[in-house]
N, C-alpha and C. Protein backbone atom coordinates (compact mmCIF):
# COMPACT_ATOMS: atom_id res chain seq x y z
N GLN A 1 -3.74 -17.55 -9.19
CA GLN A 1 -2.65 -16.63 -8.92
C GLN A 1 -3.16 -15.20 -9.07
N VAL A 2 -2.62 -14.32 -8.26
CA VAL A 2 -3.04 -12.92 -8.23
C VAL A 2 -1.99 -12.05 -8.90
N GLN A 3 -2.43 -11.17 -9.77
CA GLN A 3 -1.54 -10.14 -10.33
C GLN A 3 -1.91 -8.80 -9.70
N LEU A 4 -0.89 -8.07 -9.28
CA LEU A 4 -1.09 -6.79 -8.59
C LEU A 4 -0.32 -5.70 -9.31
N VAL A 5 -0.97 -4.57 -9.53
CA VAL A 5 -0.33 -3.44 -10.20
C VAL A 5 -0.58 -2.19 -9.37
N GLU A 6 0.51 -1.62 -8.84
CA GLU A 6 0.41 -0.39 -8.06
C GLU A 6 0.51 0.82 -8.96
N SER A 7 -0.09 1.92 -8.52
CA SER A 7 0.01 3.19 -9.23
C SER A 7 -0.23 4.32 -8.24
N GLY A 8 0.04 5.54 -8.69
CA GLY A 8 -0.24 6.70 -7.86
C GLY A 8 0.96 7.33 -7.18
N GLY A 9 2.11 6.72 -7.33
CA GLY A 9 3.30 7.29 -6.73
C GLY A 9 3.76 8.53 -7.48
N GLY A 10 4.75 9.21 -6.90
CA GLY A 10 5.28 10.40 -7.54
C GLY A 10 6.06 11.25 -6.57
N LEU A 11 6.31 12.48 -6.98
CA LEU A 11 7.05 13.44 -6.18
C LEU A 11 6.06 14.38 -5.50
N VAL A 12 6.21 14.56 -4.20
CA VAL A 12 5.31 15.43 -3.44
C VAL A 12 6.13 16.20 -2.42
N GLN A 13 5.70 17.39 -2.11
CA GLN A 13 6.40 18.20 -1.11
C GLN A 13 6.04 17.73 0.30
N PRO A 14 6.93 17.97 1.24
CA PRO A 14 6.60 17.64 2.65
C PRO A 14 5.29 18.29 3.06
N GLY A 15 4.48 17.52 3.77
CA GLY A 15 3.16 17.99 4.18
C GLY A 15 2.07 17.68 3.18
N GLY A 16 2.45 17.22 2.00
CA GLY A 16 1.48 16.92 0.97
C GLY A 16 0.85 15.55 1.11
N SER A 17 0.01 15.21 0.13
CA SER A 17 -0.73 13.96 0.15
C SER A 17 -0.60 13.22 -1.17
N LEU A 18 -0.74 11.92 -1.08
CA LEU A 18 -0.81 11.05 -2.26
C LEU A 18 -1.78 9.92 -1.95
N ARG A 19 -2.41 9.41 -3.00
CA ARG A 19 -3.21 8.19 -2.85
C ARG A 19 -2.68 7.14 -3.79
N LEU A 20 -2.23 6.05 -3.21
CA LEU A 20 -1.76 4.92 -4.00
C LEU A 20 -2.91 3.96 -4.25
N SER A 21 -2.85 3.31 -5.40
CA SER A 21 -3.84 2.29 -5.75
C SER A 21 -3.12 1.00 -6.09
N CYS A 22 -3.78 -0.10 -5.84
CA CYS A 22 -3.25 -1.41 -6.21
C CYS A 22 -4.41 -2.21 -6.80
N ALA A 23 -4.34 -2.44 -8.09
CA ALA A 23 -5.38 -3.16 -8.79
C ALA A 23 -5.02 -4.63 -8.89
N ALA A 24 -5.96 -5.48 -8.52
CA ALA A 24 -5.73 -6.92 -8.52
C ALA A 24 -6.52 -7.60 -9.63
N SER A 25 -5.96 -8.69 -10.14
CA SER A 25 -6.66 -9.49 -11.13
C SER A 25 -6.24 -10.94 -10.98
N GLY A 26 -7.01 -11.82 -11.54
CA GLY A 26 -6.63 -13.23 -11.58
C GLY A 26 -7.17 -14.08 -10.46
N ALA A 27 -7.91 -13.47 -9.55
CA ALA A 27 -8.44 -14.25 -8.43
C ALA A 27 -9.62 -13.51 -7.82
N ILE A 28 -10.26 -14.14 -6.86
CA ILE A 28 -11.38 -13.50 -6.17
C ILE A 28 -10.79 -12.55 -5.13
N PHE A 29 -10.80 -11.27 -5.45
CA PHE A 29 -10.11 -10.26 -4.64
C PHE A 29 -10.61 -10.23 -3.20
N SER A 30 -11.92 -10.40 -3.02
CA SER A 30 -12.51 -10.17 -1.70
C SER A 30 -12.04 -11.14 -0.64
N ILE A 31 -11.48 -12.27 -1.03
CA ILE A 31 -11.08 -13.25 -0.03
C ILE A 31 -9.65 -13.03 0.46
N TYR A 32 -8.96 -12.06 -0.13
CA TYR A 32 -7.57 -11.82 0.23
C TYR A 32 -7.43 -10.72 1.26
N HIS A 33 -6.51 -10.95 2.19
CA HIS A 33 -6.04 -9.86 3.02
C HIS A 33 -5.06 -9.05 2.18
N MET A 34 -5.16 -7.73 2.28
CA MET A 34 -4.32 -6.85 1.49
C MET A 34 -3.45 -5.99 2.40
N ALA A 35 -2.25 -5.73 1.96
CA ALA A 35 -1.33 -4.94 2.79
C ALA A 35 -0.46 -4.06 1.91
N TRP A 36 0.03 -3.01 2.52
CA TRP A 36 1.04 -2.16 1.90
C TRP A 36 2.33 -2.27 2.70
N TYR A 37 3.43 -2.34 1.97
CA TYR A 37 4.77 -2.33 2.53
C TYR A 37 5.54 -1.23 1.81
N ARG A 38 6.68 -0.88 2.39
CA ARG A 38 7.56 0.06 1.70
C ARG A 38 9.01 -0.29 1.95
N GLN A 39 9.86 0.14 1.03
CA GLN A 39 11.29 -0.10 1.16
C GLN A 39 12.04 1.13 0.73
N ALA A 40 12.74 1.72 1.68
CA ALA A 40 13.58 2.89 1.41
C ALA A 40 14.97 2.42 0.98
N PRO A 41 15.70 3.24 0.26
CA PRO A 41 17.04 2.86 -0.18
C PRO A 41 17.92 2.44 0.99
N GLY A 42 18.54 1.29 0.84
CA GLY A 42 19.45 0.81 1.87
C GLY A 42 18.79 0.24 3.10
N LYS A 43 17.46 0.13 3.08
CA LYS A 43 16.75 -0.38 4.25
C LYS A 43 15.93 -1.60 3.89
N GLN A 44 15.54 -2.34 4.92
CA GLN A 44 14.70 -3.50 4.71
C GLN A 44 13.27 -3.07 4.41
N ARG A 45 12.55 -3.94 3.74
CA ARG A 45 11.15 -3.68 3.48
C ARG A 45 10.39 -3.70 4.81
N GLU A 46 9.51 -2.71 5.00
CA GLU A 46 8.77 -2.64 6.24
C GLU A 46 7.27 -2.60 5.97
N TRP A 47 6.52 -3.16 6.90
CA TRP A 47 5.07 -3.19 6.81
C TRP A 47 4.51 -1.80 7.11
N VAL A 48 3.49 -1.42 6.34
CA VAL A 48 2.85 -0.12 6.51
C VAL A 48 1.45 -0.27 7.09
N ALA A 49 0.62 -1.09 6.43
CA ALA A 49 -0.77 -1.21 6.86
C ALA A 49 -1.37 -2.47 6.25
N THR A 50 -2.41 -2.97 6.89
CA THR A 50 -3.14 -4.14 6.43
C THR A 50 -4.63 -3.89 6.50
N ILE A 51 -5.36 -4.44 5.53
CA ILE A 51 -6.81 -4.50 5.62
C ILE A 51 -7.21 -5.94 5.33
N THR A 52 -7.95 -6.54 6.24
CA THR A 52 -8.31 -7.94 6.08
C THR A 52 -9.46 -8.08 5.09
N SER A 53 -9.77 -9.33 4.78
CA SER A 53 -10.91 -9.59 3.89
C SER A 53 -12.22 -9.10 4.52
N ALA A 54 -12.23 -8.98 5.84
CA ALA A 54 -13.42 -8.47 6.55
C ALA A 54 -13.40 -6.96 6.73
N GLY A 55 -12.34 -6.32 6.25
CA GLY A 55 -12.27 -4.87 6.34
C GLY A 55 -11.64 -4.32 7.60
N ILE A 56 -11.02 -5.18 8.38
CA ILE A 56 -10.35 -4.72 9.60
C ILE A 56 -8.97 -4.18 9.23
N THR A 57 -8.63 -3.02 9.77
CA THR A 57 -7.38 -2.36 9.41
C THR A 57 -6.41 -2.31 10.59
N ASN A 58 -5.14 -2.31 10.24
CA ASN A 58 -4.06 -2.13 11.21
C ASN A 58 -2.95 -1.34 10.55
N TYR A 59 -2.23 -0.57 11.37
CA TYR A 59 -1.19 0.31 10.86
C TYR A 59 0.08 0.19 11.68
N ALA A 60 1.21 0.39 11.01
CA ALA A 60 2.45 0.54 11.73
C ALA A 60 2.39 1.85 12.51
N GLY A 61 3.10 1.86 13.64
CA GLY A 61 2.97 2.98 14.55
C GLY A 61 3.22 4.35 13.94
N SER A 62 4.26 4.46 13.14
CA SER A 62 4.64 5.76 12.59
C SER A 62 3.67 6.25 11.52
N MET A 63 2.84 5.35 11.00
CA MET A 63 1.89 5.72 9.96
C MET A 63 0.49 5.97 10.52
N GLN A 64 0.27 5.53 11.76
CA GLN A 64 -1.05 5.68 12.38
C GLN A 64 -1.45 7.15 12.41
N GLY A 65 -2.64 7.42 11.93
CA GLY A 65 -3.15 8.80 11.93
C GLY A 65 -2.81 9.59 10.69
N ARG A 66 -1.83 9.15 9.93
CA ARG A 66 -1.47 9.85 8.69
C ARG A 66 -1.88 9.08 7.45
N PHE A 67 -1.85 7.75 7.53
CA PHE A 67 -2.16 6.90 6.39
C PHE A 67 -3.49 6.18 6.63
N THR A 68 -4.22 5.95 5.55
CA THR A 68 -5.48 5.21 5.62
C THR A 68 -5.52 4.18 4.52
N ILE A 69 -5.70 2.93 4.90
CA ILE A 69 -5.85 1.85 3.92
C ILE A 69 -7.34 1.56 3.75
N SER A 70 -7.73 1.31 2.52
CA SER A 70 -9.12 0.97 2.24
C SER A 70 -9.16 0.04 1.04
N ARG A 71 -10.32 -0.55 0.82
CA ARG A 71 -10.46 -1.45 -0.32
C ARG A 71 -11.83 -1.30 -0.94
N ASP A 72 -11.88 -1.52 -2.23
CA ASP A 72 -13.13 -1.53 -2.97
C ASP A 72 -13.20 -2.88 -3.67
N ASN A 73 -13.94 -3.79 -3.10
CA ASN A 73 -13.99 -5.14 -3.66
C ASN A 73 -14.66 -5.17 -5.03
N ALA A 74 -15.55 -4.23 -5.29
CA ALA A 74 -16.20 -4.18 -6.60
C ALA A 74 -15.22 -3.80 -7.70
N LYS A 75 -14.17 -3.05 -7.30
CA LYS A 75 -13.16 -2.62 -8.28
C LYS A 75 -11.87 -3.42 -8.15
N ASN A 76 -11.85 -4.42 -7.26
CA ASN A 76 -10.65 -5.23 -7.05
C ASN A 76 -9.43 -4.36 -6.77
N THR A 77 -9.61 -3.37 -5.94
CA THR A 77 -8.56 -2.39 -5.71
C THR A 77 -8.42 -2.08 -4.23
N VAL A 78 -7.16 -1.94 -3.81
CA VAL A 78 -6.86 -1.47 -2.46
C VAL A 78 -6.15 -0.13 -2.59
N TYR A 79 -6.40 0.74 -1.63
CA TYR A 79 -5.86 2.09 -1.68
C TYR A 79 -5.03 2.37 -0.42
N LEU A 80 -4.11 3.32 -0.57
CA LEU A 80 -3.40 3.85 0.59
C LEU A 80 -3.40 5.37 0.46
N GLN A 81 -4.20 6.02 1.28
CA GLN A 81 -4.23 7.47 1.33
C GLN A 81 -3.15 7.92 2.31
N MET A 82 -2.23 8.73 1.83
CA MET A 82 -1.11 9.19 2.65
C MET A 82 -1.17 10.70 2.79
N ASN A 83 -1.29 11.16 4.01
CA ASN A 83 -1.36 12.60 4.31
C ASN A 83 -0.17 13.00 5.17
N SER A 84 0.07 14.30 5.23
CA SER A 84 1.16 14.85 6.05
C SER A 84 2.47 14.12 5.78
N LEU A 85 2.78 13.98 4.52
CA LEU A 85 3.96 13.20 4.14
C LEU A 85 5.24 13.88 4.59
N LYS A 86 6.22 13.05 4.94
CA LYS A 86 7.52 13.51 5.43
C LYS A 86 8.61 12.96 4.52
N PRO A 87 9.76 13.60 4.50
CA PRO A 87 10.85 13.07 3.67
C PRO A 87 11.18 11.61 3.99
N GLU A 88 11.03 11.22 5.23
CA GLU A 88 11.34 9.84 5.61
C GLU A 88 10.30 8.84 5.10
N ASP A 89 9.22 9.32 4.50
CA ASP A 89 8.25 8.43 3.86
C ASP A 89 8.70 8.05 2.44
N THR A 90 9.78 8.64 1.99
CA THR A 90 10.29 8.31 0.65
C THR A 90 10.69 6.84 0.58
N ALA A 91 10.12 6.14 -0.39
CA ALA A 91 10.36 4.70 -0.52
C ALA A 91 9.63 4.19 -1.75
N VAL A 92 9.91 2.96 -2.10
CA VAL A 92 9.07 2.23 -3.04
C VAL A 92 7.99 1.53 -2.23
N TYR A 93 6.75 1.73 -2.63
CA TYR A 93 5.61 1.17 -1.91
C TYR A 93 5.07 -0.02 -2.70
N TYR A 94 4.89 -1.12 -1.98
CA TYR A 94 4.43 -2.37 -2.58
C TYR A 94 3.10 -2.79 -1.96
N CYS A 95 2.23 -3.39 -2.75
CA CYS A 95 1.06 -4.02 -2.16
C CYS A 95 1.25 -5.54 -2.19
N LYS A 96 0.57 -6.17 -1.27
CA LYS A 96 0.68 -7.60 -1.08
C LYS A 96 -0.72 -8.16 -0.86
N ALA A 97 -0.99 -9.26 -1.52
CA ALA A 97 -2.24 -10.00 -1.31
C ALA A 97 -1.89 -11.35 -0.68
N SER A 98 -2.63 -11.73 0.34
CA SER A 98 -2.31 -12.99 0.99
C SER A 98 -3.58 -13.67 1.49
N ASN A 99 -3.52 -15.00 1.48
CA ASN A 99 -4.51 -15.80 2.18
C ASN A 99 -3.87 -17.15 2.42
N ILE A 100 -4.65 -18.13 2.80
CA ILE A 100 -4.08 -19.41 3.18
C ILE A 100 -3.35 -20.07 2.00
N GLY A 101 -3.69 -19.64 0.78
CA GLY A 101 -3.09 -20.27 -0.39
C GLY A 101 -1.74 -19.70 -0.78
N GLY A 102 -1.36 -18.56 -0.24
CA GLY A 102 -0.08 -17.96 -0.58
C GLY A 102 -0.10 -16.46 -0.52
N ALA A 103 1.01 -15.86 -0.94
CA ALA A 103 1.15 -14.41 -0.92
C ALA A 103 1.68 -13.94 -2.26
N TYR A 104 1.25 -12.77 -2.68
CA TYR A 104 1.62 -12.22 -3.98
C TYR A 104 1.97 -10.74 -3.80
N TRP A 105 2.94 -10.29 -4.60
CA TRP A 105 3.42 -8.91 -4.50
C TRP A 105 3.27 -8.20 -5.84
N GLY A 106 3.07 -6.90 -5.76
CA GLY A 106 3.14 -6.06 -6.93
C GLY A 106 4.57 -5.63 -7.20
N GLN A 107 4.75 -4.82 -8.25
CA GLN A 107 6.09 -4.43 -8.66
C GLN A 107 6.56 -3.16 -7.95
N GLY A 108 5.64 -2.46 -7.28
CA GLY A 108 6.00 -1.28 -6.50
C GLY A 108 5.79 0.01 -7.25
N THR A 109 5.61 1.08 -6.49
CA THR A 109 5.51 2.42 -7.05
C THR A 109 6.32 3.36 -6.17
N GLN A 110 7.08 4.24 -6.82
CA GLN A 110 8.00 5.11 -6.09
C GLN A 110 7.28 6.33 -5.53
N VAL A 111 7.52 6.61 -4.27
CA VAL A 111 7.04 7.82 -3.62
C VAL A 111 8.25 8.61 -3.14
N THR A 112 8.35 9.85 -3.57
CA THR A 112 9.45 10.71 -3.16
C THR A 112 8.88 11.97 -2.52
N VAL A 113 9.28 12.21 -1.29
CA VAL A 113 8.82 13.39 -0.55
C VAL A 113 10.01 14.33 -0.41
N SER A 114 9.94 15.43 -1.12
CA SER A 114 11.08 16.35 -1.15
C SER A 114 10.61 17.73 -1.56
N SER A 115 11.28 18.74 -1.04
CA SER A 115 10.99 20.11 -1.45
C SER A 115 11.91 20.55 -2.59
């Protein structure tokens, strides 16, 4: 079983940047596909970005060009670099680990974009 702990959220002004981290433990991190999701108040959870075990990345359309997902298998950590943040990026951000054996979620970290 995988345990995931997100960090790096906070309050940032529009146009600013944040880097989220998700530290994994309890399993062989490198074999998992990792993803970030977010959930804004009153809305459904939505997919943000994925990085596969092979390092292939994909992004939701509205995040393409502003967000970058990466992973450091030596540190069992996945990152989400968020630039040019907008108020509509305000949400709780979750990381997810998945492979053929199942899927696991972290507890989330709050990101608030406001002036």
